[in-house]
Protein backbone atom coordinates (compact mmCIF):
# COMPACT_ATOMS: atom_id res chain seq x y z
CA UNK A 1 -46.28 34.06 -6.77
CA UNK A 2 -44.68 30.66 -6.26
CA UNK A 3 -46.99 27.65 -6.31
CA UNK A 4 -46.02 24.15 -5.28
CA UNK A 5 -47.93 21.42 -7.11
CA UNK A 6 -50.59 23.99 -7.99
CA UNK A 7 -51.09 25.41 -4.49
CA UNK A 8 -49.94 28.94 -3.53
CA UNK A 9 -46.87 28.89 -1.31
CA UNK A 10 -45.41 32.40 -1.33
CA UNK A 11 -45.26 35.70 -3.10
CA UNK A 12 -41.96 37.50 -3.62
CA UNK A 13 -40.82 40.83 -4.93
CA UNK A 14 -38.32 40.46 -7.74
CA UNK A 15 -36.90 41.99 -10.84
CA UNK A 16 -38.36 39.81 -13.63
CA UNK A 17 -35.87 37.54 -15.29
CA UNK A 18 -34.59 34.57 -13.33
CA UNK A 19 -37.97 33.54 -11.97
CA UNK A 20 -37.33 29.78 -12.15
CA UNK A 21 -34.01 30.06 -10.30
CA UNK A 22 -35.69 32.28 -7.70
CA UNK A 23 -38.45 29.71 -7.16
CA UNK A 24 -36.01 26.80 -6.85
CA UNK A 25 -33.76 28.76 -4.49
CA UNK A 26 -36.73 29.78 -2.38
CA UNK A 27 -37.78 26.13 -2.02
CA UNK A 28 -34.26 25.17 -0.92
CA UNK A 29 -34.05 28.03 1.58
CA UNK A 30 -37.45 27.12 3.05
CA UNK A 31 -36.45 23.45 3.39
CA UNK A 32 -39.09 22.21 0.94
CA UNK A 33 -36.37 20.59 -1.20
CA UNK A 34 -32.67 20.00 -0.60
CA UNK A 35 -31.43 20.14 -4.19
CA UNK A 36 -32.54 21.10 -7.69
CA UNK A 37 -32.85 17.47 -8.76
CA UNK A 38 -35.97 17.20 -6.61
CA UNK A 39 -37.81 19.51 -9.03
CA UNK A 40 -39.53 17.91 -12.02
CA UNK A 41 -40.59 21.17 -13.68
CA UNK A 42 -41.14 24.87 -13.20
CA UNK A 43 -43.57 26.58 -15.55
CA UNK A 44 -45.26 29.94 -15.85
CA UNK A 45 -48.97 29.84 -15.08
CA UNK A 46 -51.50 31.68 -17.16
CA UNK A 47 -51.87 35.13 -15.73
CA UNK A 48 -53.07 37.43 -18.44
CA UNK A 49 -53.97 41.06 -18.68
CA UNK A 50 -57.30 42.14 -20.16
CA UNK A 51 -55.80 41.99 -23.66
CA UNK A 52 -54.55 38.42 -23.14
CA UNK A 53 -50.85 39.13 -22.54
CA UNK A 54 -49.24 36.79 -19.98
CA UNK A 55 -47.93 38.70 -16.96
CA UNK A 56 -45.37 35.99 -16.07
CA UNK A 57 -46.03 36.71 -12.40
CA UNK A 58 -46.91 33.17 -11.27
CA UNK A 59 -44.79 30.02 -11.48
CA UNK A 60 -45.80 26.50 -10.53
CA UNK A 61 -43.17 24.05 -9.30
CA UNK A 62 -43.85 20.34 -9.66
CA UNK A 63 -41.71 18.06 -7.56
CA UNK A 64 -40.00 15.03 -9.08
CA UNK A 65 -41.69 11.63 -8.72
CA UNK A 66 -41.09 10.21 -5.26
CA UNK A 67 -40.27 13.57 -3.67
CA UNK A 68 -42.65 14.16 -0.82
CA UNK A 69 -43.93 17.60 0.06
CA UNK A 70 -42.84 18.29 3.64
CA UNK A 71 -45.58 18.70 6.22
CA UNK A 72 -45.80 22.46 5.79
CA UNK A 73 -49.50 22.48 4.90
CA UNK A 74 -48.48 24.79 2.06
CA UNK A 75 -49.04 27.75 4.35
CA UNK A 76 -46.12 29.65 5.77
CA UNK A 77 -46.28 30.18 9.50
CA UNK A 78 -43.96 33.18 9.59
CA UNK A 79 -44.81 36.23 7.52
CA UNK A 80 -42.57 39.16 6.84
CA UNK A 81 -44.22 42.54 6.61
CA UNK A 82 -43.09 45.57 4.67
CA UNK A 83 -44.37 49.04 4.04
CA UNK A 84 -45.74 48.10 0.64
CA UNK A 85 -47.77 45.18 2.03
CA UNK A 86 -46.54 42.71 -0.61
CA UNK A 87 -43.81 40.69 1.07
CA UNK A 88 -44.99 37.79 3.17
CA UNK A 89 -48.23 37.23 1.28
CA UNK A 90 -48.89 33.63 0.27
CA UNK A 91 -50.78 34.40 -2.96
CA UNK A 92 -51.58 37.25 -5.31
CA UNK A 93 -55.22 37.05 -4.20
CA UNK A 94 -54.08 38.11 -0.71
CA UNK A 95 -52.68 41.41 -1.98
């Protein structure tokens, strides 16, 4: 899940690894930002299993000071569907 300033924006399928680059690239491709310098930070959110191990499945992107969030209401208007039902969801809670 990719969050923007703490609010769910999108969920993606990925091979774990370059999660921060994926999140930044997603924001560029969606027109939320135009370059990486508009990002202040990208961090993993707490998302733990029952035994307390972080799942590293959620990242939160904070925009740099002065960068305005476009008027996208943080809800995507176009959803992609797939046979697994995962792609196109805005948050993990929607799965």
